[in-house]
Amino acid sequence: MSERRVLFLDLADVEARQNVVQAVCEAEKHPNNPVLPLGDHHEWDSLQARPWEGRTVLYDEEERLFKCWYAGKDVGVERWWNTGYAISDDGVHWDKPQLGLHEYRGRSDNNICLRGWGPVVKDVEEDDPARRFKMIVKGPPRARMIRAGYSPDGIHWTEEAQIDLPEWDGGAPDIVALIKDEQEADASRRWKMIWQAVLPNNKHGPERVRVKHIAFGSDLERLTASADNPVLHPNDSTEQENHYLMLAPYAGQYVMAYEYGWYVPNGTGRFGMYCADIRLAVSRDGEHFSRVQTHQPLIRRGVRGDWDSGSLVIADKLVEHNDRLY
């Protein structure tokens, strides 16, 4: 018998079936959620601490720590975000170390590690210790320019080459996910990046909606967009909108956990209240994805009154640690 792990997500390995149905097994929520607390009212992340612009949680095998790069914002009316850095022994109890790198309201006793934001990769195969951590950066100080960021420790960052794909038309799109794909045999496709553009909508709601595109490269500075983009479009399914997603090479396939969004027509805002949960898609080649039981959430919203009863956002990476998936 083969020892190959079979996921049964696209059912391509199933020769026949009778009296069985495919169902999505929902993820279990930790009872201590939310585990990353907001800052105090005088701190930079007093309003938001979320995997939105800052996108990554990973487990550092060398240091035996969970590490998080997240987006934070205060209660002011200005539209801005910084990237905060947090660490944890168990993924549940998090510490925000005082880094002393960037000032907020005249003080540097905070955990801000970068004024910009983006997804992070720890590249254990990198020979240059100053480039062990890598990020595709958007935001200040060059707001309209996407660039490569490098760090020896995930805390102290140096920004280098501009990253500019022809498909961006000189713009700076939101970078949704960045991975180094260790199961990819083709070295020219080892690095994978997903970004989002906007295209016309075919449902009620906004005229244009966010659509996901993918690019491949031998490193994060040499990326080429897929000729078959987009990889995820709300027009192809029943959701009205999606923003961010997780991309994970896993068991020879590619698992995508994506934000499935819809508008509730309750008189809030232009189209109603935006709601979202997390649903599942899968691919055999990392480029062409199919949704899995689109009516079944992988991560369900909380019930009314819970802290997560509105819309859910997911970080860009899967964490596999001690036989558990986070």
Protein backbone atom coordinates (compact mmCIF):
# COMPACT_ATOMS: atom_id res chain seq x y z
CA MET A 1 0.00 0.00 0.00
CA SER A 2 1.26 3.46 -0.85
CA GLU A 3 2.24 5.76 2.03
CA ARG A 4 1.19 8.83 0.04
CA ARG A 5 -1.13 11.06 2.01
CA VAL A 6 -4.51 11.52 0.30
CA LEU A 7 -6.47 14.66 1.13
CA PHE A 8 -9.79 13.86 -0.59
CA LEU A 9 -10.32 17.53 -1.36
CA ASP A 10 -10.87 17.36 -5.11
CA LEU A 11 -11.82 13.63 -5.12
CA ALA A 12 -9.52 12.97 -8.09
CA ASP A 13 -8.08 9.99 -6.19
CA VAL A 14 -11.52 8.42 -5.71
CA GLU A 15 -12.37 5.80 -8.33
CA ALA A 16 -15.97 5.35 -7.21
CA ARG A 17 -18.20 6.26 -4.30
CA GLN A 18 -21.57 5.14 -3.02
CA ASN A 19 -23.59 6.38 -0.06
CA VAL A 20 -20.89 8.86 0.97
CA VAL A 21 -20.75 12.64 0.76
CA GLN A 22 -17.87 15.05 0.88
CA ALA A 23 -17.98 17.47 3.82
CA VAL A 24 -15.63 20.14 5.10
CA CYS A 25 -14.35 19.48 8.63
CA GLU A 26 -14.54 22.80 10.44
CA ALA A 27 -11.50 24.13 12.25
CA GLU A 28 -11.67 24.19 16.04
CA LYS A 29 -11.50 27.63 17.64
CA HIS A 30 -9.38 28.01 20.76
CA PRO A 31 -11.45 28.96 23.82
CA ASN A 32 -9.03 31.80 24.66
CA ASN A 33 -9.69 33.66 21.41
CA PRO A 34 -8.85 36.37 20.56
CA VAL A 35 -5.30 35.43 21.54
CA LEU A 36 -3.53 38.56 20.23
CA PRO A 37 -4.87 41.40 22.38
CA LEU A 38 -5.32 44.99 21.32
CA GLY A 39 -2.97 47.57 22.76
CA ASP A 40 -4.03 49.98 25.49
CA HIS A 41 -5.84 53.17 24.46
CA HIS A 42 -2.56 55.11 24.23
CA GLU A 43 -0.77 52.49 22.09
CA TRP A 44 -0.39 52.23 18.33
CA ASP A 45 -2.52 49.05 17.97
CA SER A 46 -5.39 50.06 20.25
CA LEU A 47 -8.03 49.75 17.50
CA GLN A 48 -6.76 46.93 15.29
CA ALA A 49 -4.39 43.96 15.65
CA ARG A 50 -5.16 41.77 12.68
CA PRO A 51 -3.67 39.69 9.80
CA TRP A 52 -4.73 42.21 7.15
CA GLU A 53 -1.90 44.35 5.78
CA GLY A 54 0.57 42.53 8.03
CA ARG A 55 -0.09 38.98 6.95
CA THR A 56 2.01 36.24 8.55
CA VAL A 57 2.12 33.80 11.43
CA LEU A 58 4.77 31.05 11.30
CA TYR A 59 6.59 28.62 13.58
CA ASP A 60 10.35 29.16 13.73
CA GLU A 61 11.84 25.68 14.16
CA GLU A 62 15.30 27.04 15.01
CA GLU A 63 14.09 29.28 17.83
CA ARG A 64 11.08 27.12 18.76
CA LEU A 65 8.78 30.10 18.70
CA PHE A 66 5.58 31.10 16.99
CA LYS A 67 6.14 34.47 15.33
CA CYS A 68 3.56 36.94 14.09
CA TRP A 69 3.75 40.00 11.86
CA TYR A 70 0.42 41.79 12.08
CA ALA A 71 -1.20 45.09 11.12
CA GLY A 72 -2.08 47.53 13.85
CA LYS A 73 -3.79 50.90 14.04
CA ASP A 74 -4.91 53.33 16.72
CA VAL A 75 -8.29 55.01 17.22
CA GLY A 76 -7.37 58.12 15.21
CA VAL A 77 -9.18 59.04 12.01
CA GLU A 78 -6.07 58.91 9.82
CA ARG A 79 -5.83 55.95 7.45
CA TRP A 80 -2.53 54.19 8.22
CA TRP A 81 -1.10 50.89 9.45
CA ASN A 82 2.23 49.68 10.81
CA THR A 83 3.58 46.16 11.17
CA GLY A 84 3.88 44.81 14.68
CA TYR A 85 5.95 41.82 15.81
CA ALA A 86 4.80 39.31 18.41
CA ILE A 87 6.13 35.97 19.68
CA SER A 88 4.65 32.98 21.50
CA ASP A 89 5.80 29.65 22.93
CA ASP A 90 2.50 27.94 22.23
CA GLY A 91 0.60 30.06 19.68
CA VAL A 92 -1.92 31.06 22.33
CA HIS A 93 -0.12 33.33 24.80
CA TRP A 94 1.59 36.15 22.91
CA ASP A 95 4.22 38.67 23.92
CA LYS A 96 4.74 42.00 22.15
CA PRO A 97 8.43 42.78 22.73
CA GLN A 98 9.46 46.42 23.13
CA LEU A 99 11.72 46.88 20.10
CA GLY A 100 12.58 50.57 20.31
CA LEU A 101 12.82 50.91 16.52
CA HIS A 102 10.02 53.30 15.51
CA GLU A 103 8.38 56.17 17.33
CA TYR A 104 4.67 56.42 17.98
CA ARG A 105 3.51 59.70 19.52
CA GLY A 106 7.08 60.53 20.48
CA ARG A 107 7.85 57.20 22.15
CA SER A 108 9.65 54.11 20.86
CA ASP A 109 8.65 51.65 23.61
CA ASN A 110 6.53 49.58 21.25
CA ASN A 111 6.68 46.47 19.05
CA ILE A 112 6.53 48.20 15.65
CA CYS A 113 9.11 46.54 13.38
CA LEU A 114 8.23 48.22 10.07
CA ARG A 115 6.33 51.26 8.84
CA GLY A 116 5.21 49.35 5.75
CA TRP A 117 3.58 45.93 5.63
CA GLY A 118 3.40 42.64 3.76
CA PRO A 119 3.77 38.84 4.04
CA VAL A 120 6.93 37.31 5.54
CA VAL A 121 8.92 34.14 4.76
CA LYS A 122 11.78 32.62 6.75
CA ASP A 123 14.15 31.16 4.15
CA VAL A 124 16.23 28.54 5.98
CA GLU A 125 18.19 27.81 2.78
CA GLU A 126 19.41 31.39 2.40
CA ASP A 127 23.23 31.60 2.61
CA ASP A 128 23.27 35.29 3.51
CA PRO A 129 22.28 35.61 7.20
CA ALA A 130 21.18 39.20 6.59
CA ARG A 131 18.49 37.89 4.21
CA ARG A 132 17.14 34.99 6.25
CA PHE A 133 13.72 36.65 6.56
CA LYS A 134 12.08 38.05 3.44
CA MET A 135 9.06 40.24 2.82
CA ILE A 136 7.30 41.88 -0.09
CA VAL A 137 6.70 45.36 1.29
CA LYS A 138 4.00 47.91 0.57
CA GLY A 139 3.37 51.24 2.26
CA PRO A 140 5.59 53.97 3.73
CA PRO A 141 8.04 55.40 2.98
CA ARG A 142 7.43 54.60 -0.72
CA ALA A 143 3.68 54.17 -0.73
CA ARG A 144 3.25 53.62 -4.47
CA MET A 145 6.09 51.15 -4.87
CA ILE A 146 6.29 47.43 -4.05
CA ARG A 147 9.76 46.36 -2.93
CA ALA A 148 11.74 43.45 -1.50
CA GLY A 149 12.55 43.53 2.20
CA TYR A 150 15.24 41.49 3.98
CA SER A 151 16.05 40.89 7.63
CA PRO A 152 18.42 38.74 9.72
CA ASP A 153 15.85 38.26 12.47
CA GLY A 154 12.42 39.34 11.21
CA ILE A 155 12.71 42.53 13.26
CA HIS A 156 15.34 44.76 11.66
CA TRP A 157 14.42 45.26 8.00
CA THR A 158 16.28 46.62 4.98
CA GLU A 159 14.31 47.45 1.85
CA GLU A 160 16.04 46.86 -1.47
CA ALA A 161 14.91 46.26 -5.07
CA GLN A 162 11.59 47.43 -6.44
CA ILE A 163 9.26 44.65 -7.55
CA ASP A 164 7.17 45.65 -10.55
CA LEU A 165 5.14 43.33 -12.75
CA PRO A 166 3.86 44.58 -16.13
CA GLU A 167 0.35 43.59 -15.06
CA TRP A 168 0.46 46.22 -12.30
CA ASP A 169 0.65 49.15 -14.75
CA GLY A 170 3.01 50.99 -12.42
CA GLY A 171 0.69 50.59 -9.44
CA ALA A 172 1.16 49.01 -6.03
CA PRO A 173 -1.45 46.27 -5.47
CA ASP A 174 -2.21 44.57 -2.18
CA ILE A 175 0.12 41.61 -1.66
CA VAL A 176 -2.01 38.76 -0.35
CA ALA A 177 0.41 35.85 0.15
CA LEU A 178 4.07 34.93 -0.28
CA ILE A 179 5.48 31.42 0.05
CA LYS A 180 8.65 29.53 -0.72
CA ASP A 181 7.30 26.25 -2.05
CA GLU A 182 9.50 23.38 -0.88
CA GLN A 183 7.44 20.76 -2.71
CA GLU A 184 7.84 22.53 -6.09
CA ALA A 185 10.26 20.61 -8.38
CA ASP A 186 10.67 23.52 -10.81
CA ALA A 187 13.15 25.99 -9.31
CA SER A 188 11.79 28.77 -11.52
CA ARG A 189 8.42 28.45 -9.71
CA ARG A 190 9.73 27.95 -6.18
CA TRP A 191 8.57 31.37 -4.98
CA LYS A 192 4.87 32.09 -5.27
CA MET A 193 3.13 35.40 -4.67
CA ILE A 194 -0.56 36.23 -4.76
CA TRP A 195 -1.76 39.80 -5.22
CA GLN A 196 -5.20 41.28 -5.74
CA ALA A 197 -6.56 43.51 -8.46
CA VAL A 198 -10.12 44.70 -9.11
CA LEU A 199 -12.33 43.53 -11.98
CA PRO A 200 -16.04 43.95 -12.88
CA ASN A 201 -18.56 42.21 -10.67
CA ASN A 202 -21.43 40.00 -11.91
CA LYS A 203 -23.57 40.22 -8.75
CA HIS A 204 -25.33 42.80 -6.63
CA GLY A 205 -22.88 44.96 -4.74
CA PRO A 206 -19.79 46.89 -5.80
CA GLU A 207 -19.30 47.37 -9.53
CA ARG A 208 -15.74 46.07 -9.21
CA VAL A 209 -14.50 43.42 -6.79
CA ARG A 210 -11.15 42.10 -5.62
CA VAL A 211 -9.68 39.28 -7.69
CA LYS A 212 -6.62 37.15 -6.89
CA HIS A 213 -3.65 36.72 -9.25
CA ILE A 214 -0.53 34.58 -8.85
CA ALA A 215 3.09 34.97 -9.95
CA PHE A 216 6.04 32.56 -9.83
CA GLY A 217 9.80 33.03 -9.67
CA SER A 218 13.20 31.67 -8.70
CA ASP A 219 13.35 34.35 -5.99
CA LEU A 220 11.07 37.09 -4.79
CA GLU A 221 12.69 39.72 -7.03
CA ARG A 222 12.13 37.73 -10.24
CA LEU A 223 8.44 36.98 -10.53
CA THR A 224 6.31 36.31 -13.59
CA ALA A 225 2.53 36.38 -13.59
CA SER A 226 0.58 33.28 -14.58
CA ALA A 227 -0.87 33.34 -18.07
CA ASP A 228 -4.04 31.78 -16.60
CA ASN A 229 -4.78 34.48 -14.03
CA PRO A 230 -6.91 35.08 -12.07
CA VAL A 231 -6.71 32.14 -9.66
CA LEU A 232 -9.71 33.22 -7.56
CA HIS A 233 -12.58 35.42 -8.75
CA PRO A 234 -15.89 35.98 -6.88
CA ASN A 235 -17.69 35.83 -10.23
CA ASP A 236 -16.87 32.12 -10.44
CA SER A 237 -18.79 31.21 -7.29
CA THR A 238 -21.47 32.42 -4.91
CA GLU A 239 -19.49 34.86 -2.76
CA GLN A 240 -19.83 38.57 -3.47
CA GLU A 241 -16.32 39.54 -2.41
CA ASN A 242 -13.06 38.21 -1.02
CA HIS A 243 -10.01 40.05 0.27
CA TYR A 244 -7.28 37.83 1.70
CA LEU A 245 -6.40 34.14 1.78
CA MET A 246 -3.96 31.50 3.00
CA LEU A 247 -1.90 29.44 0.53
CA ALA A 248 -0.20 26.23 1.68
CA PRO A 249 1.74 23.54 -0.19
CA TYR A 250 0.57 20.43 1.66
CA ALA A 251 0.75 16.69 0.97
CA GLY A 252 1.62 17.22 -2.70
CA GLN A 253 -1.30 19.58 -3.29
CA TYR A 254 -2.04 23.26 -2.64
CA VAL A 255 -4.61 24.15 -0.02
CA MET A 256 -6.20 27.58 -0.08
CA ALA A 257 -8.31 28.95 2.76
CA TYR A 258 -10.00 32.05 1.39
CA GLU A 259 -12.26 34.78 2.68
CA TYR A 260 -15.83 34.19 1.47
CA GLY A 261 -17.69 37.49 1.77
CA TRP A 262 -21.26 38.70 1.30
CA TYR A 263 -23.36 41.78 2.05
CA VAL A 264 -26.33 41.65 4.41
CA PRO A 265 -28.92 44.24 3.21
CA ASN A 266 -29.59 45.80 6.60
CA GLY A 267 -29.24 49.46 5.63
CA THR A 268 -25.62 49.67 6.79
CA GLY A 269 -23.29 51.28 4.29
CA ARG A 270 -23.84 51.42 0.55
CA PHE A 271 -24.48 47.71 -0.01
CA GLY A 272 -25.27 46.48 3.50
CA MET A 273 -23.14 45.03 6.29
CA TYR A 274 -20.12 43.10 5.02
CA CYS A 275 -19.76 39.61 6.48
CA ALA A 276 -17.21 36.89 5.75
CA ASP A 277 -16.10 33.47 6.88
CA ILE A 278 -13.25 31.24 5.66
CA ARG A 279 -13.80 28.54 3.02
CA LEU A 280 -11.67 26.00 1.22
CA ALA A 281 -10.16 25.53 -2.25
CA VAL A 282 -7.55 23.12 -3.61
CA SER A 283 -5.15 22.78 -6.52
CA ARG A 284 -2.89 20.08 -7.94
CA ASP A 285 -0.44 22.51 -9.56
CA GLY A 286 -0.60 25.64 -7.42
CA GLU A 287 -2.08 27.61 -10.29
CA HIS A 288 -5.58 26.28 -11.04
CA PHE A 289 -7.87 26.07 -8.01
CA SER A 290 -11.29 24.56 -7.42
CA ARG A 291 -13.49 25.42 -4.47
CA VAL A 292 -14.46 22.66 -2.02
CA GLN A 293 -18.13 22.55 -1.00
CA THR A 294 -18.61 26.30 -1.29
CA HIS A 295 -21.62 26.30 1.05
CA GLN A 296 -19.58 24.88 3.95
CA PRO A 297 -17.18 27.07 5.97
CA LEU A 298 -13.78 25.91 7.12
CA ILE A 299 -13.82 28.58 9.85
CA ARG A 300 -17.28 29.73 10.83
CA ARG A 301 -18.16 33.20 12.10
CA GLY A 302 -19.10 33.53 15.73
CA VAL A 303 -22.72 33.84 16.78
CA ARG A 304 -24.25 37.28 17.27
CA GLY A 305 -22.51 39.08 20.09
CA ASP A 306 -19.25 37.14 19.80
CA TRP A 307 -16.05 39.03 18.99
CA ASP A 308 -15.80 37.31 15.57
CA SER A 309 -19.43 37.55 14.49
CA GLY A 310 -18.73 40.04 11.68
CA SER A 311 -16.10 39.16 9.11
CA LEU A 312 -13.08 36.85 9.38
CA VAL A 313 -9.64 37.41 7.87
CA ILE A 314 -6.95 34.73 7.66
CA ALA A 315 -3.14 34.99 7.73
CA ASP A 316 -1.25 33.94 4.60
CA LYS A 317 0.45 30.75 5.86
CA LEU A 318 -0.49 27.40 7.35
CA VAL A 319 1.46 26.45 10.48
CA GLU A 320 2.13 22.72 10.97
CA HIS A 321 3.46 21.95 14.44
CA ASN A 322 3.23 18.93 16.75
CA ASP A 323 0.75 17.14 14.48
CA ARG A 324 -1.62 20.09 14.48
CA LEU A 325 -2.50 22.58 11.77
CA TYR A 326 -2.92 26.22 12.77
